[in-house]
Amino acid sequence: MISRFKVTLFACLGMLTTLVNYTHAQSNGTVRGFVYDKATGEPVLFTNVYLTGTTLGAATDVNGYYSITKVPPVSYVLTVT
C-alpha cells in the first residue's frame, strides 16, 4: 500500500512539474537573428546584442548570429554595440 502511494505521488509530482515547466515555457520567447555590416554585407563578429533596460542579451558568433532566450512578452528596444 505504501509503495503504491509513493508511485502515485511521484507520478502526480512529475505531471505537476511538467505542467509548470510547460506553462512557464509558453510565457517566454526567443529573440534571434543576424547582425551584418550595412556597407559591406559582412557579418559582425562577437558584438553585443541586448534588450535595452534589461539584463537580457547575447554576443554574436562568427556568422553574426545571436539568440536571446527566456524573453518575457513585452515590447523592447534591441541594441547592438
PDB file of N, CA and C in Angstrom:
ATOM      1  N   MET A   1       0.812  -1.186   0.000  1.00  0.00           N
ATOM      2  CA  MET A   1       0.000   0.000   0.000  1.00  0.00           C
ATOM      3  C   MET A   1       0.862   1.259   0.000  1.00  0.00           C
ATOM      4  N   ILE A   2       1.885   1.309   0.834  1.00  0.00           N
ATOM      5  CA  ILE A   2       2.766   2.475   0.883  1.00  0.00           C
ATOM      6  C   ILE A   2       3.513   2.614  -0.435  1.00  0.00           C
ATOM      7  N   SER A   3       3.946   1.521  -0.986  1.00  0.00           N
ATOM      8  CA  SER A   3       4.667   1.542  -2.244  1.00  0.00           C
ATOM      9  C   SER A   3       3.785   2.101  -3.358  1.00  0.00           C
ATOM     10  N   ARG A   4       2.529   1.709  -3.394  1.00  0.00           N
ATOM     11  CA  ARG A   4       1.603   2.195  -4.418  1.00  0.00           C
ATOM     12  C   ARG A   4       1.362   3.695  -4.220  1.00  0.00           C
ATOM     13  N   PHE A   5       1.269   4.140  -2.983  1.00  0.00           N
ATOM     14  CA  PHE A   5       1.085   5.552  -2.674  1.00  0.00           C
ATOM     15  C   PHE A   5       2.289   6.365  -3.164  1.00  0.00           C
ATOM     16  N   LYS A   6       3.497   5.869  -2.936  1.00  0.00           N
ATOM     17  CA  LYS A   6       4.713   6.570  -3.369  1.00  0.00           C
ATOM     18  C   LYS A   6       4.751   6.690  -4.887  1.00  0.00           C
ATOM     19  N   VAL A   7       4.396   5.638  -5.587  1.00  0.00           N
ATOM     20  CA  VAL A   7       4.385   5.668  -7.047  1.00  0.00           C
ATOM     21  C   VAL A   7       3.369   6.675  -7.548  1.00  0.00           C
ATOM     22  N   THR A   8       2.173   6.679  -6.958  1.00  0.00           N
ATOM     23  CA  THR A   8       1.130   7.621  -7.359  1.00  0.00           C
ATOM     24  C   THR A   8       1.560   9.056  -7.069  1.00  0.00           C
ATOM     25  N   LEU A   9       2.124   9.283  -5.884  1.00  0.00           N
ATOM     26  CA  LEU A   9       2.592  10.616  -5.515  1.00  0.00           C
ATOM     27  C   LEU A   9       3.693  11.073  -6.463  1.00  0.00           C
ATOM     28  N   PHE A  10       4.617  10.189  -6.770  1.00  0.00           N
ATOM     29  CA  PHE A  10       5.719  10.514  -7.678  1.00  0.00           C
ATOM     30  C   PHE A  10       5.184  10.860  -9.067  1.00  0.00           C
ATOM     31  N   ALA A  11       4.219  10.094  -9.553  1.00  0.00           N
ATOM     32  CA  ALA A  11       3.622  10.356 -10.870  1.00  0.00           C
ATOM     33  C   ALA A  11       2.910  11.702 -10.876  1.00  0.00           C
ATOM     34  N   CYS A  12       2.184  12.015  -9.800  1.00  0.00           N
ATOM     35  CA  CYS A  12       1.481  13.302  -9.719  1.00  0.00           C
ATOM     36  C   CYS A  12       2.460  14.468  -9.676  1.00  0.00           C
ATOM     37  N   LEU A  13       3.533  14.324  -8.912  1.00  0.00           N
ATOM     38  CA  LEU A  13       4.548  15.372  -8.857  1.00  0.00           C
ATOM     39  C   LEU A  13       5.224  15.556 -10.213  1.00  0.00           C
ATOM     40  N   GLY A  14       5.468  14.458 -10.899  1.00  0.00           N
ATOM     41  CA  GLY A  14       6.062  14.531 -12.227  1.00  0.00           C
ATOM     42  C   GLY A  14       5.170  15.266 -13.207  1.00  0.00           C
ATOM     43  N   MET A  15       3.874  14.967 -13.176  1.00  0.00           N
ATOM     44  CA  MET A  15       2.937  15.653 -14.074  1.00  0.00           C
ATOM     45  C   MET A  15       2.824  17.132 -13.712  1.00  0.00           C
ATOM     46  N   LEU A  16       2.820  17.451 -12.420  1.00  0.00           N
ATOM     47  CA  LEU A  16       2.744  18.839 -11.985  1.00  0.00           C
ATOM     48  C   LEU A  16       3.986  19.611 -12.432  1.00  0.00           C
ATOM     49  N   THR A  17       5.152  19.010 -12.276  1.00  0.00           N
ATOM     50  CA  THR A  17       6.394  19.645 -12.720  1.00  0.00           C
ATOM     51  C   THR A  17       6.369  19.881 -14.217  1.00  0.00           C
ATOM     52  N   THR A  18       5.910  18.910 -14.983  1.00  0.00           N
ATOM     53  CA  THR A  18       5.817  19.055 -16.432  1.00  0.00           C
ATOM     54  C   THR A  18       4.852  20.171 -16.793  1.00  0.00           C
ATOM     55  N   LEU A  19       3.720  20.248 -16.120  1.00  0.00           N
ATOM     56  CA  LEU A  19       2.727  21.284 -16.388  1.00  0.00           C
ATOM     57  C   LEU A  19       3.286  22.663 -16.070  1.00  0.00           C
ATOM     58  N   VAL A  20       3.970  22.801 -14.939  1.00  0.00           N
ATOM     59  CA  VAL A  20       4.557  24.087 -14.560  1.00  0.00           C
ATOM     60  C   VAL A  20       5.617  24.489 -15.578  1.00  0.00           C
ATOM     61  N   ASN A  21       6.483  23.567 -15.978  1.00  0.00           N
ATOM     62  CA  ASN A  21       7.514  23.874 -16.967  1.00  0.00           C
ATOM     63  C   ASN A  21       6.896  24.237 -18.311  1.00  0.00           C
ATOM     64  N   TYR A  22       5.855  23.541 -18.719  1.00  0.00           N
ATOM     65  CA  TYR A  22       5.196  23.821 -19.987  1.00  0.00           C
ATOM     66  C   TYR A  22       4.556  25.206 -19.953  1.00  0.00           C
ATOM     67  N   THR A  23       3.884  25.526 -18.851  1.00  0.00           N
ATOM     68  CA  THR A  23       3.242  26.826 -18.713  1.00  0.00           C
ATOM     69  C   THR A  23       4.284  27.931 -18.701  1.00  0.00           C
ATOM     70  N   HIS A  24       5.377  27.709 -17.982  1.00  0.00           N
ATOM     71  CA  HIS A  24       6.440  28.706 -17.917  1.00  0.00           C
ATOM     72  C   HIS A  24       7.093  28.885 -19.280  1.00  0.00           C
ATOM     73  N   ALA A  25       7.310  27.819 -19.982  1.00  0.00           N
ATOM     74  CA  ALA A  25       7.959  27.888 -21.291  1.00  0.00           C
ATOM     75  C   ALA A  25       7.095  28.640 -22.291  1.00  0.00           C
ATOM     76  N   GLN A  26       5.777  28.563 -22.148  1.00  0.00           N
ATOM     77  CA  GLN A  26       4.884  29.237 -23.078  1.00  0.00           C
ATOM     78  C   GLN A  26       4.862  30.747 -22.858  1.00  0.00           C
ATOM     79  N   SER A  27       5.240  31.206 -21.687  1.00  0.00           N
ATOM     80  CA  SER A  27       5.143  32.625 -21.395  1.00  0.00           C
ATOM     81  C   SER A  27       6.375  33.409 -21.833  1.00  0.00           C
ATOM     82  N   ASN A  28       7.438  32.757 -22.216  1.00  0.00           N
ATOM     83  CA  ASN A  28       8.667  33.422 -22.642  1.00  0.00           C
ATOM     84  C   ASN A  28       8.973  33.078 -24.087  1.00  0.00           C
ATOM     85  N   GLY A  29       9.758  33.933 -24.714  1.00  0.00           N
ATOM     86  CA  GLY A  29      10.102  33.705 -26.111  1.00  0.00           C
ATOM     87  C   GLY A  29      11.595  33.824 -26.340  1.00  0.00           C
ATOM     88  N   THR A  30      11.964  33.805 -27.610  1.00  0.00           N
ATOM     89  CA  THR A  30      13.359  33.925 -28.024  1.00  0.00           C
ATOM     90  C   THR A  30      13.460  34.998 -29.090  1.00  0.00           C
ATOM     91  N   VAL A  31      14.476  35.839 -28.950  1.00  0.00           N
ATOM     92  CA  VAL A  31      14.792  36.833 -29.972  1.00  0.00           C
ATOM     93  C   VAL A  31      16.094  36.366 -30.602  1.00  0.00           C
ATOM     94  N   ARG A  32      16.082  36.186 -31.924  1.00  0.00           N
ATOM     95  CA  ARG A  32      17.302  35.710 -32.588  1.00  0.00           C
ATOM     96  C   ARG A  32      17.398  36.317 -33.978  1.00  0.00           C
ATOM     97  N   GLY A  33      18.619  36.359 -34.462  1.00  0.00           N
ATOM     98  CA  GLY A  33      18.820  36.935 -35.785  1.00  0.00           C
ATOM     99  C   GLY A  33      20.288  37.050 -36.116  1.00  0.00           C
ATOM    100  N   PHE A  34      20.580  37.836 -37.124  1.00  0.00           N
ATOM    101  CA  PHE A  34      21.943  38.050 -37.582  1.00  0.00           C
ATOM    102  C   PHE A  34      22.234  39.547 -37.588  1.00  0.00           C
ATOM    103  N   VAL A  35      23.500  39.899 -37.379  1.00  0.00           N
ATOM    104  CA  VAL A  35      23.935  41.289 -37.458  1.00  0.00           C
ATOM    105  C   VAL A  35      24.945  41.369 -38.590  1.00  0.00           C
ATOM    106  N   TYR A  36      24.644  42.253 -39.568  1.00  0.00           N
ATOM    107  CA  TYR A  36      25.524  42.440 -40.728  1.00  0.00           C
ATOM    108  C   TYR A  36      25.948  43.895 -40.824  1.00  0.00           C
ATOM    109  N   ASP A  37      27.137  44.116 -41.345  1.00  0.00           N
ATOM    110  CA  ASP A  37      27.616  45.461 -41.632  1.00  0.00           C
ATOM    111  C   ASP A  37      26.856  45.972 -42.852  1.00  0.00           C
ATOM    112  N   LYS A  38      26.199  47.110 -42.730  1.00  0.00           N
ATOM    113  CA  LYS A  38      25.369  47.628 -43.809  1.00  0.00           C
ATOM    114  C   LYS A  38      26.197  47.955 -45.053  1.00  0.00           C
ATOM    115  N   ALA A  39      27.397  48.465 -44.869  1.00  0.00           N
ATOM    116  CA  ALA A  39      28.231  48.885 -46.001  1.00  0.00           C
ATOM    117  C   ALA A  39      28.807  47.708 -46.779  1.00  0.00           C
ATOM    118  N   THR A  40      29.245  46.666 -46.049  1.00  0.00           N
ATOM    119  CA  THR A  40      29.944  45.554 -46.720  1.00  0.00           C
ATOM    120  C   THR A  40      29.107  44.294 -46.845  1.00  0.00           C
ATOM    121  N   GLY A  41      28.074  44.176 -46.012  1.00  0.00           N
ATOM    122  CA  GLY A  41      27.269  42.959 -46.019  1.00  0.00           C
ATOM    123  C   GLY A  41      27.900  41.809 -45.245  1.00  0.00           C
ATOM    124  N   GLU A  42      29.042  42.059 -44.646  1.00  0.00           N
ATOM    125  CA  GLU A  42      29.751  41.037 -43.862  1.00  0.00           C
ATOM    126  C   GLU A  42      29.118  40.897 -42.483  1.00  0.00           C
ATOM    127  N   PRO A  43      29.136  39.675 -41.900  1.00  0.00           N
ATOM    128  CA  PRO A  43      28.619  39.516 -40.535  1.00  0.00           C
ATOM    129  C   PRO A  43      29.491  40.262 -39.531  1.00  0.00           C
ATOM    130  N   VAL A  44      28.861  40.787 -38.494  1.00  0.00           N
ATOM    131  CA  VAL A  44      29.588  41.470 -37.427  1.00  0.00           C
ATOM    132  C   VAL A  44      29.865  40.431 -36.345  1.00  0.00           C
ATOM    133  N   LEU A  45      31.137  40.141 -36.127  1.00  0.00           N
ATOM    134  CA  LEU A  45      31.552  39.087 -35.206  1.00  0.00           C
ATOM    135  C   LEU A  45      31.650  39.592 -33.767  1.00  0.00           C
ATOM    136  N   PHE A  46      31.199  38.791 -32.831  1.00  0.00           N
ATOM    137  CA  PHE A  46      31.407  38.970 -31.396  1.00  0.00           C
ATOM    138  C   PHE A  46      30.995  40.358 -30.880  1.00  0.00           C
ATOM    139  N   THR A  47      29.898  40.865 -31.378  1.00  0.00           N
ATOM    140  CA  THR A  47      29.370  42.126 -30.859  1.00  0.00           C
ATOM    141  C   THR A  47      28.215  41.833 -29.906  1.00  0.00           C
ATOM    142  N   ASN A  48      27.920  42.769 -29.037  1.00  0.00           N
ATOM    143  CA  ASN A  48      26.852  42.578 -28.051  1.00  0.00           C
ATOM    144  C   ASN A  48      25.507  43.017 -28.610  1.00  0.00           C
ATOM    145  N   VAL A  49      24.498  42.194 -28.371  1.00  0.00           N
ATOM    146  CA  VAL A  49      23.119  42.488 -28.729  1.00  0.00           C
ATOM    147  C   VAL A  49      22.318  42.314 -27.447  1.00  0.00           C
ATOM    148  N   TYR A  50      21.576  43.352 -27.058  1.00  0.00           N
ATOM    149  CA  TYR A  50      20.821  43.235 -25.811  1.00  0.00           C
ATOM    150  C   TYR A  50      19.508  44.004 -25.900  1.00  0.00           C
ATOM    151  N   LEU A  51      18.630  43.680 -24.976  1.00  0.00           N
ATOM    152  CA  LEU A  51      17.348  44.350 -24.875  1.00  0.00           C
ATOM    153  C   LEU A  51      17.503  45.483 -23.867  1.00  0.00           C
ATOM    154  N   THR A  52      17.383  46.713 -24.346  1.00  0.00           N
ATOM    155  CA  THR A  52      17.608  47.899 -23.524  1.00  0.00           C
ATOM    156  C   THR A  52      16.708  47.882 -22.288  1.00  0.00           C
ATOM    157  N   GLY A  53      17.311  48.194 -21.141  1.00  0.00           N
ATOM    158  CA  GLY A  53      16.569  48.245 -19.887  1.00  0.00           C
ATOM    159  C   GLY A  53      16.434  46.903 -19.195  1.00  0.00           C
ATOM    160  N   THR A  54      17.100  45.868 -19.736  1.00  0.00           N
ATOM    161  CA  THR A  54      17.056  44.543 -19.121  1.00  0.00           C
ATOM    162  C   THR A  54      18.478  44.017 -18.973  1.00  0.00           C
ATOM    163  N   THR A  55      18.590  42.844 -18.386  1.00  0.00           N
ATOM    164  CA  THR A  55      19.879  42.152 -18.320  1.00  0.00           C
ATOM    165  C   THR A  55      19.949  41.051 -19.367  1.00  0.00           C
ATOM    166  N   LEU A  56      19.009  41.053 -20.310  1.00  0.00           N
ATOM    167  CA  LEU A  56      18.951  40.015 -21.342  1.00  0.00           C
ATOM    168  C   LEU A  56      19.769  40.428 -22.546  1.00  0.00           C
ATOM    169  N   GLY A  57      20.644  39.538 -22.987  1.00  0.00           N
ATOM    170  CA  GLY A  57      21.454  39.836 -24.154  1.00  0.00           C
ATOM    171  C   GLY A  57      22.298  38.650 -24.554  1.00  0.00           C
ATOM    172  N   ALA A  58      23.027  38.821 -25.652  1.00  0.00           N
ATOM    173  CA  ALA A  58      23.905  37.766 -26.161  1.00  0.00           C
ATOM    174  C   ALA A  58      24.971  38.413 -27.036  1.00  0.00           C
ATOM    175  N   ALA A  59      25.991  37.643 -27.344  1.00  0.00           N
ATOM    176  CA  ALA A  59      27.023  38.081 -28.276  1.00  0.00           C
ATOM    177  C   ALA A  59      26.839  37.329 -29.586  1.00  0.00           C
ATOM    178  N   THR A  60      27.152  37.988 -30.687  1.00  0.00           N
ATOM    179  CA  THR A  60      27.067  37.316 -31.981  1.00  0.00           C
ATOM    180  C   THR A  60      28.224  36.328 -32.128  1.00  0.00           C
ATOM    181  N   ASP A  61      28.016  35.326 -32.969  1.00  0.00           N
ATOM    182  CA  ASP A  61      29.077  34.349 -33.226  1.00  0.00           C
ATOM    183  C   ASP A  61      29.835  34.734 -34.503  1.00  0.00           C
ATOM    184  N   VAL A  62      30.616  33.823 -35.046  1.00  0.00           N
ATOM    185  CA  VAL A  62      31.430  34.114 -36.229  1.00  0.00           C
ATOM    186  C   VAL A  62      30.581  34.345 -37.476  1.00  0.00           C
ATOM    187  N   ASN A  63      29.322  33.980 -37.434  1.00  0.00           N
ATOM    188  CA  ASN A  63      28.410  34.214 -38.556  1.00  0.00           C
ATOM    189  C   ASN A  63      27.517  35.435 -38.334  1.00  0.00           C
ATOM    190  N   GLY A  64      27.702  36.135 -37.201  1.00  0.00           N
ATOM    191  CA  GLY A  64      26.872  37.285 -36.870  1.00  0.00           C
ATOM    192  C   GLY A  64      25.554  36.898 -36.224  1.00  0.00           C
ATOM    193  N   TYR A  65      25.392  35.620 -35.881  1.00  0.00           N
ATOM    194  CA  TYR A  65      24.140  35.116 -35.314  1.00  0.00           C
ATOM    195  C   TYR A  65      24.100  35.339 -33.809  1.00  0.00           C
ATOM    196  N   TYR A  66      22.921  35.711 -33.303  1.00  0.00           N
ATOM    197  CA  TYR A  66      22.700  35.839 -31.863  1.00  0.00           C
ATOM    198  C   TYR A  66      21.357  35.217 -31.505  1.00  0.00           C
ATOM    199  N   SER A  67      21.214  34.820 -30.248  1.00  0.00           N
ATOM    200  CA  SER A  67      19.970  34.256 -29.745  1.00  0.00           C
ATOM    201  C   SER A  67      19.821  34.642 -28.275  1.00  0.00           C
ATOM    202  N   ILE A  68      18.735  35.345 -27.970  1.00  0.00           N
ATOM    203  CA  ILE A  68      18.435  35.750 -26.595  1.00  0.00           C
ATOM    204  C   ILE A  68      17.207  34.956 -26.165  1.00  0.00           C
ATOM    205  N   THR A  69      17.359  34.104 -25.159  1.00  0.00           N
ATOM    206  CA  THR A  69      16.275  33.228 -24.723  1.00  0.00           C
ATOM    207  C   THR A  69      15.620  33.749 -23.452  1.00  0.00           C
ATOM    208  N   LYS A  70      14.483  33.141 -23.117  1.00  0.00           N
ATOM    209  CA  LYS A  70      13.733  33.450 -21.896  1.00  0.00           C
ATOM    210  C   LYS A  70      13.304  34.916 -21.841  1.00  0.00           C
ATOM    211  N   VAL A  71      12.798  35.421 -22.957  1.00  0.00           N
ATOM    212  CA  VAL A  71      12.376  36.808 -23.059  1.00  0.00           C
ATOM    213  C   VAL A  71      10.879  36.908 -22.756  1.00  0.00           C
ATOM    214  N   PRO A  72      10.504  37.614 -21.683  1.00  0.00           N
ATOM    215  CA  PRO A  72       9.083  37.803 -21.385  1.00  0.00           C
ATOM    216  C   PRO A  72       8.399  38.601 -22.507  1.00  0.00           C
ATOM    217  N   PRO A  73       7.116  38.344 -22.751  1.00  0.00           N
ATOM    218  CA  PRO A  73       6.416  39.005 -23.849  1.00  0.00           C
ATOM    219  C   PRO A  73       6.038  40.463 -23.534  1.00  0.00           C
ATOM    220  N   VAL A  74       6.955  41.364 -23.844  1.00  0.00           N
ATOM    221  CA  VAL A  74       6.768  42.801 -23.668  1.00  0.00           C
ATOM    222  C   VAL A  74       7.463  43.466 -24.857  1.00  0.00           C
ATOM    223  N   SER A  75       7.199  44.735 -25.122  1.00  0.00           N
ATOM    224  CA  SER A  75       7.910  45.452 -26.180  1.00  0.00           C
ATOM    225  C   SER A  75       9.291  45.862 -25.676  1.00  0.00           C
ATOM    226  N   TYR A  76      10.309  45.704 -26.536  1.00  0.00           N
ATOM    227  CA  TYR A  76      11.685  46.033 -26.182  1.00  0.00           C
ATOM    228  C   TYR A  76      12.330  46.852 -27.290  1.00  0.00           C
ATOM    229  N   VAL A  77      13.442  47.479 -26.944  1.00  0.00           N
ATOM    230  CA  VAL A  77      14.309  48.104 -27.933  1.00  0.00           C
ATOM    231  C   VAL A  77      15.558  47.249 -27.995  1.00  0.00           C
ATOM    232  N   LEU A  78      15.883  46.757 -29.191  1.00  0.00           N
ATOM    233  CA  LEU A  78      17.066  45.915 -29.394  1.00  0.00           C
ATOM    234  C   LEU A  78      18.251  46.821 -29.693  1.00  0.00           C
ATOM    235  N   THR A  79      19.326  46.637 -28.939  1.00  0.00           N
ATOM    236  CA  THR A  79      20.514  47.486 -29.097  1.00  0.00           C
ATOM    237  C   THR A  79      21.704  46.620 -29.466  1.00  0.00           C
ATOM    238  N   VAL A  80      22.503  47.100 -30.430  1.00  0.00           N
ATOM    239  CA  VAL A  80      23.718  46.415 -30.855  1.00  0.00           C
ATOM    240  C   VAL A  80      24.884  47.356 -30.601  1.00  0.00           C
ATOM    241  N   THR A  81      25.901  46.865 -29.865  1.00  0.00           N
ATOM    242  CA  THR A  81      27.063  47.704 -29.584  1.00  0.00           C
ATOM    243  C   THR A  81      28.336  47.029 -30.011  1.00  0.00           C
TER     244      THR A  81
END
